[in-house]
Amino acid sequence: MEVSVRDNNVDQALRVLKKKLQREGVYREMRLKEFFEKPSIKKAREKKEAISRQRKLARKKALREG
């Protein structure tokens, strides 16, 4: 990942970097890897996340179609 600093504006470059890291999911991954997660709990969490993603997509599709 690369962020260019324009006109010695480090604050703006830092904001852009943080936004890119957030979009890539780096912060979320760091938080999840902070502690050990049992495989059974990990599997249940991933299944729950997948279900919520599907529901969210279905809601958006229903809103678009009317």
Protein backbone atom coordinates (compact mmCIF):
# COMPACT_ATOMS: atom_id res chain seq x y z
CA MET A 1 0.00 0.00 0.00
CA GLU A 2 1.35 3.40 -0.93
CA VAL A 3 0.28 6.92 0.00
CA SER A 4 1.90 9.98 -1.52
CA VAL A 5 2.56 13.09 0.56
CA ARG A 6 1.71 16.28 -1.31
CA ASP A 7 3.05 19.70 -0.31
CA ASN A 8 4.54 18.31 2.93
CA ASN A 9 1.00 17.71 4.21
CA VAL A 10 1.60 14.66 6.39
CA ASP A 11 -1.74 14.98 8.21
CA GLN A 12 -3.71 14.56 5.00
CA ALA A 13 -1.55 11.62 3.93
CA LEU A 14 -2.11 9.97 7.31
CA ARG A 15 -5.89 10.39 6.95
CA VAL A 16 -5.76 8.82 3.50
CA LEU A 17 -3.67 5.91 4.84
CA LYS A 18 -6.09 5.29 7.72
CA LYS A 19 -9.03 5.31 5.31
CA LYS A 20 -7.29 2.81 3.02
CA LEU A 21 -6.45 0.53 5.96
CA GLN A 22 -10.05 0.72 7.15
CA ARG A 23 -11.37 -0.14 3.68
CA GLU A 24 -8.99 -3.10 3.36
CA GLY A 25 -10.12 -4.49 6.72
CA VAL A 26 -6.68 -4.37 8.36
CA TYR A 27 -8.00 -2.95 11.64
CA ARG A 28 -10.69 -5.61 11.89
CA GLU A 29 -8.17 -8.36 11.17
CA MET A 30 -5.78 -7.04 13.82
CA ARG A 31 -8.58 -7.00 16.37
CA LEU A 32 -9.58 -10.57 15.54
CA LYS A 33 -6.00 -11.85 15.77
CA GLU A 34 -5.39 -10.16 19.11
CA PHE A 35 -6.53 -13.26 21.02
CA PHE A 36 -6.74 -16.93 20.14
CA GLU A 37 -10.12 -18.00 18.83
CA LYS A 38 -11.16 -21.62 19.06
CA PRO A 39 -11.85 -23.18 15.65
CA SER A 40 -15.44 -24.00 16.56
CA ILE A 41 -16.12 -20.41 17.64
CA LYS A 42 -14.39 -19.08 14.52
CA LYS A 43 -16.55 -21.27 12.30
CA ALA A 44 -19.73 -20.13 14.07
CA ARG A 45 -18.73 -16.47 13.80
CA GLU A 46 -17.94 -16.77 10.09
CA LYS A 47 -21.27 -18.51 9.47
CA LYS A 48 -23.11 -15.78 11.36
CA GLU A 49 -21.31 -13.08 9.36
CA ALA A 50 -22.15 -14.81 6.09
CA ILE A 51 -25.83 -14.98 7.04
CA SER A 52 -25.90 -11.29 7.95
CA ARG A 53 -24.20 -10.41 4.64
CA GLN A 54 -26.82 -12.37 2.72
CA ARG A 55 -29.66 -10.69 4.64
CA LYS A 56 -28.16 -7.26 4.00
CA LEU A 57 -27.88 -7.97 0.26
CA ALA A 58 -31.49 -9.24 0.21
CA ARG A 59 -32.68 -6.05 1.95
CA LYS A 60 -30.84 -3.83 -0.52
CA LYS A 61 -32.19 -5.83 -3.44
CA ALA A 62 -35.74 -5.60 -2.10
CA LEU A 63 -35.42 -1.83 -1.70
CA ARG A 64 -34.12 -1.42 -5.24
CA GLU A 65 -36.88 -3.56 -6.77
CA GLY A 66 -39.61 -1.90 -4.76
